[in-house]
Protein backbone atom coordinates (compact mmCIF):
# COMPACT_ATOMS: atom_id res chain seq x y z
CA MET A 1 0.00 0.00 0.00
CA GLN A 2 1.29 3.45 -0.93
CA ILE A 3 0.28 6.80 0.57
CA PHE A 4 1.84 10.17 -0.17
CA GLY A 5 3.63 11.90 2.71
CA VAL A 6 4.63 15.57 2.93
CA ASP A 7 6.87 16.98 5.66
CA ILE A 8 6.54 20.76 6.11
CA GLY A 9 9.54 22.32 7.83
CA GLY A 10 10.77 25.79 8.58
CA SER A 11 13.28 25.63 5.72
CA GLY A 12 11.90 23.04 3.30
CA ILE A 13 8.78 21.18 2.16
CA LYS A 14 9.55 17.62 1.06
CA GLY A 15 7.43 14.68 0.02
CA ALA A 16 7.23 11.33 -1.73
CA PRO A 17 5.03 8.24 -2.00
CA VAL A 18 5.60 5.82 0.88
CA ASP A 19 5.45 2.02 0.98
CA LEU A 20 3.60 1.48 4.26
CA ASP A 21 4.62 -2.18 4.52
CA LYS A 22 8.32 -1.29 4.55
CA GLY A 23 8.28 2.29 5.84
CA GLU A 24 10.32 3.41 2.83
CA LEU A 25 9.97 6.04 0.13
CA THR A 26 9.14 4.44 -3.23
CA GLN A 27 10.62 7.32 -5.26
CA GLU A 28 13.26 9.94 -4.63
CA ARG A 29 11.65 12.71 -2.62
CA CYS A 30 10.90 16.13 -4.07
CA LYS A 31 11.86 19.16 -1.99
CA VAL A 32 11.06 22.86 -2.39
CA LEU A 33 12.09 25.73 -0.17
CA THR A 34 9.61 26.91 2.43
CA PRO A 35 8.52 30.42 1.42
CA HIS A 36 9.39 33.40 3.60
CA PRO A 37 7.19 34.57 5.08
CA ALA A 38 5.76 31.06 5.49
CA THR A 39 2.10 32.08 5.17
CA PRO A 40 -0.71 29.54 4.76
CA ASP A 41 -1.17 30.36 1.07
CA GLY A 42 2.56 30.28 0.35
CA VAL A 43 3.09 26.95 2.12
CA ALA A 44 0.00 25.46 0.46
CA ASP A 45 1.45 26.42 -2.93
CA GLY A 46 4.70 24.64 -2.00
CA VAL A 47 2.80 21.52 -0.94
CA LYS A 48 0.87 21.53 -4.23
CA GLU A 49 4.15 21.79 -6.17
CA VAL A 50 5.57 18.75 -4.35
CA VAL A 51 2.43 16.65 -4.82
CA ASP A 52 1.99 17.69 -8.46
CA HIS A 53 5.61 16.70 -9.16
CA PHE A 54 4.52 13.06 -8.84
CA GLY A 55 1.09 13.45 -10.46
CA TRP A 56 -0.35 12.04 -7.24
CA THR A 57 -4.15 11.65 -7.04
CA GLY A 58 -4.69 9.69 -3.81
CA PRO A 59 -4.65 10.42 -0.06
CA VAL A 60 -1.99 12.80 1.26
CA GLY A 61 -0.63 12.97 4.80
CA LEU A 62 1.03 16.20 5.87
CA THR A 63 3.10 17.23 8.85
CA PHE A 64 3.13 20.72 10.34
CA PRO A 65 5.81 22.33 12.59
CA GLY A 66 3.47 23.23 15.44
CA VAL A 67 0.59 22.01 17.58
CA VAL A 68 -2.23 20.43 15.55
CA THR A 69 -5.56 19.79 17.28
CA GLY A 70 -8.67 18.06 16.02
CA GLY A 71 -6.66 16.59 13.17
CA ALA A 72 -6.57 19.87 11.28
CA THR A 73 -6.45 23.09 13.32
CA ILE A 74 -3.11 24.82 13.87
CA ARG A 75 -2.55 26.19 17.39
CA THR A 76 1.09 27.32 17.37
CA ALA A 77 3.47 28.64 14.72
CA ALA A 78 6.94 29.17 16.17
CA ASN A 79 8.88 28.76 12.92
CA VAL A 80 6.28 29.76 10.33
CA ASP A 81 4.10 32.85 9.90
CA LYS A 82 1.83 33.63 12.86
CA SER A 83 -1.17 33.82 10.52
CA TRP A 84 -1.23 29.99 10.70
CA ILE A 85 -2.66 30.12 14.22
CA ASP A 86 -6.30 28.91 14.24
CA THR A 87 -6.10 28.04 10.52
CA ASP A 88 -8.00 24.92 9.43
CA ALA A 89 -5.02 23.40 7.66
CA GLY A 90 -6.97 20.32 6.61
CA ALA A 91 -9.48 22.40 4.68
CA LEU A 92 -6.76 24.64 3.21
CA PHE A 93 -4.65 21.77 1.86
CA ALA A 94 -7.66 19.79 0.62
CA GLU A 95 -8.84 22.81 -1.36
CA ARG A 96 -5.37 23.53 -2.78
CA LEU A 97 -4.90 19.89 -3.78
CA GLY A 98 -8.17 19.78 -5.68
CA GLY A 99 -10.17 17.87 -3.09
CA LEU A 100 -7.70 15.05 -2.38
CA PRO A 101 -8.18 13.41 1.05
CA VAL A 102 -5.68 15.00 3.46
CA THR A 103 -4.67 14.61 7.09
CA VAL A 104 -2.43 16.92 9.16
CA VAL A 105 -0.28 15.97 12.15
CA ASN A 106 2.52 17.55 14.20
CA ASP A 107 5.83 17.03 12.42
CA ALA A 108 7.80 15.53 15.29
CA ASP A 109 4.89 13.29 16.28
CA ALA A 110 4.86 11.93 12.72
CA ALA A 111 8.62 11.34 12.77
CA GLY A 112 8.34 9.65 16.15
CA VAL A 113 5.58 7.29 15.05
CA ALA A 114 7.67 6.27 12.02
CA GLU A 115 10.74 5.63 14.18
CA MET A 116 8.73 3.60 16.69
CA HIS A 117 7.29 1.41 13.93
CA PHE A 118 10.19 1.10 11.50
CA GLY A 119 13.29 2.61 13.11
CA ALA A 120 15.22 3.06 16.31
CA GLY A 121 12.19 2.76 18.59
CA GLN A 122 10.96 -0.65 17.44
CA ASP A 123 9.93 -2.90 20.33
CA ARG A 124 11.07 -0.33 22.90
CA LYS A 125 8.96 -0.06 26.04
CA GLY A 126 9.01 2.51 28.81
CA THR A 127 9.46 6.21 28.01
CA VAL A 128 11.01 7.07 24.65
CA ILE A 129 11.55 10.62 23.40
CA LEU A 130 12.36 11.51 19.81
CA LEU A 131 13.83 14.98 19.29
CA THR A 132 14.17 16.51 15.83
CA PHE A 133 16.89 19.13 15.49
CA GLY A 134 16.29 21.47 12.57
CA THR A 135 14.95 25.02 12.27
CA GLY A 136 13.59 24.39 15.76
CA ILE A 137 13.46 21.37 18.07
CA GLY A 138 10.48 19.07 17.71
CA SER A 139 9.59 16.35 20.19
CA ALA A 140 7.57 13.14 20.30
CA LEU A 141 6.97 11.44 23.65
CA PHE A 142 5.99 7.76 23.87
CA VAL A 143 5.05 5.71 26.92
CA ASN A 144 5.07 1.97 26.20
CA GLY A 145 4.67 2.75 22.53
CA ILE A 146 1.73 5.14 22.98
CA LEU A 147 2.18 8.71 21.71
CA VAL A 148 1.49 11.70 23.96
CA PRO A 149 0.78 14.23 21.17
CA ASN A 150 1.90 17.84 20.72
CA THR A 151 4.49 17.94 23.50
CA GLU A 152 6.60 20.74 21.93
CA LEU A 153 9.54 20.19 24.30
CA GLY A 154 11.74 22.40 22.14
CA HIS A 155 10.09 25.35 23.86
CA LEU A 156 11.18 24.40 27.37
CA GLU A 157 13.03 27.26 29.04
CA LEU A 158 16.73 26.59 29.36
CA ASN A 159 19.01 29.13 31.01
CA GLY A 160 16.44 31.85 30.40
CA HIS A 161 15.94 31.05 26.72
CA ASP A 162 13.59 29.02 24.57
CA ALA A 163 15.66 25.83 24.29
CA GLU A 164 15.44 25.62 20.50
CA LYS A 165 16.91 29.11 20.15
CA LYS A 166 20.15 27.74 21.62
CA ALA A 167 20.25 24.07 20.68
CA SER A 168 18.54 23.65 17.30
CA SER A 169 20.66 22.94 14.23
CA LYS A 170 19.68 26.41 13.00
CA ALA A 171 21.26 27.84 16.16
CA LYS A 172 24.43 25.88 15.32
CA ASP A 173 24.49 27.24 11.78
CA ASP A 174 23.57 30.82 12.72
CA GLY A 175 26.21 30.90 15.46
CA GLU A 176 28.80 29.11 13.30
CA LEU A 177 29.33 26.70 16.20
CA THR A 178 31.66 23.73 16.03
CA TRP A 179 30.05 20.31 16.40
CA GLU A 180 31.62 20.00 19.85
CA HIS A 181 30.34 23.39 21.05
CA TRP A 182 26.87 22.64 19.74
CA ALA A 183 26.91 19.15 21.29
CA HIS A 184 27.54 20.67 24.71
CA ARG A 185 24.41 22.80 24.26
CA VAL A 186 22.45 19.72 23.23
CA GLN A 187 23.79 17.90 26.29
CA LYS A 188 22.46 20.61 28.60
CA TYR A 189 19.09 20.42 26.86
CA LEU A 190 18.96 16.62 27.07
CA ALA A 191 19.87 16.76 30.77
CA HIS A 192 16.93 19.12 31.36
CA VAL A 193 14.50 16.90 29.45
CA GLU A 194 15.86 13.83 31.25
CA MET A 195 15.33 15.48 34.62
CA LEU A 196 11.66 16.04 33.73
CA PHE A 197 10.78 12.73 32.04
CA SER A 198 13.46 10.12 32.85
CA PRO A 199 13.31 8.38 29.46
CA GLU A 200 14.99 5.09 28.71
CA LEU A 201 15.83 6.22 25.18
CA PHE A 202 16.45 9.46 23.28
CA ILE A 203 16.19 9.22 19.48
CA ILE A 204 17.93 12.12 17.72
CA GLY A 205 16.18 13.01 14.46
CA GLY A 206 16.12 15.77 11.88
CA GLY A 207 18.82 16.51 9.34
CA VAL A 208 21.62 16.15 11.93
CA SER A 209 20.79 12.46 12.34
CA ARG A 210 22.82 11.84 9.17
CA LYS A 211 25.86 13.30 10.90
CA ALA A 212 25.57 11.61 14.29
CA ASP A 213 29.22 10.57 14.16
CA LYS A 214 30.22 14.23 14.33
CA PHE A 215 28.57 15.06 17.65
CA LEU A 216 27.02 12.18 19.63
CA HIS A 217 30.38 11.16 21.15
CA PHE A 218 30.66 14.63 22.71
CA ILE A 219 27.43 14.16 24.71
CA GLU A 220 28.16 12.77 28.17
CA ASP A 221 26.53 12.27 31.56
CA ILE A 222 23.08 11.39 30.16
CA LYS A 223 21.63 8.23 31.74
CA ALA A 224 19.29 7.42 28.86
CA GLU A 225 20.54 5.62 25.76
CA ILE A 226 21.01 8.07 22.85
CA VAL A 227 20.76 6.88 19.25
CA PRO A 228 20.28 8.57 15.85
CA ALA A 229 17.01 8.17 13.98
CA GLN A 230 17.27 5.27 11.53
CA LEU A 231 14.88 6.83 9.03
CA GLN A 232 16.89 10.04 9.35
CA ASN A 233 15.21 13.03 7.69
CA ASN A 234 12.61 10.87 5.90
CA ALA A 235 10.89 9.96 9.16
CA GLY A 236 8.40 12.83 8.91
CA ILE A 237 7.35 11.84 5.39
CA VAL A 238 6.85 8.21 6.42
CA GLY A 239 4.95 9.21 9.57
CA ALA A 240 2.70 11.59 7.63
CA ALA A 241 1.75 8.78 5.25
CA MET A 242 1.13 6.42 8.19
CA HIS A 243 -1.16 9.00 9.77
CA ALA A 244 -3.12 9.37 6.53
CA ALA A 245 -3.56 5.60 6.40
CA GLY A 246 -4.62 5.41 10.06
CA ASP A 247 -1.59 3.30 10.94
CA ASP A 248 -0.40 5.44 13.86
């Protein structure tokens, strides 16, 4: 069974058809830049471009970088335009895609579900936290395999700042930080999250998961096991498709 997944991020919108039996993309993904400002109309145009690239005419699952309630309504917009707040994203995307069936889910929740089913979280019990490091920091919290949705742990206060402003991969790039310097910031953030939730496992996702060998060895004094996401930056696409199929 194939479903189309789209992962909307602060810097890029990427999508591809997904084989839901294997948790793999069936074609090379298409990516377009997220418009700035990232308004609802601008992002919807980007989504349409990605979907149209494949001539797709079936169900589409989409992620969004913020809190999504009721399966469609956007409640927060930290890394996109504030005009998203209270937007019915489900209706917007369905209209822009010519009436195709669509679902919308938090981006990190989608990535987490994919990792729990097909990646680093398979068969893991207890408390598992996936963290996606990108434009911001997304989070997905699981207890014995059950998702606690819309946790948004990237916005925890750390040393007087929104944590993602200091420890996201964007913060690394903007500050021209070395991997070691950035890893020490991530370590402080993980220690704070660990103090609050005592997870057995941290899964590190987002684009930096491809470069885990550059920074994970610098992170020390965390009791939980720390591993990179196995689906890497495709986890959101796979999770979006799973959500559209009702497999999450």
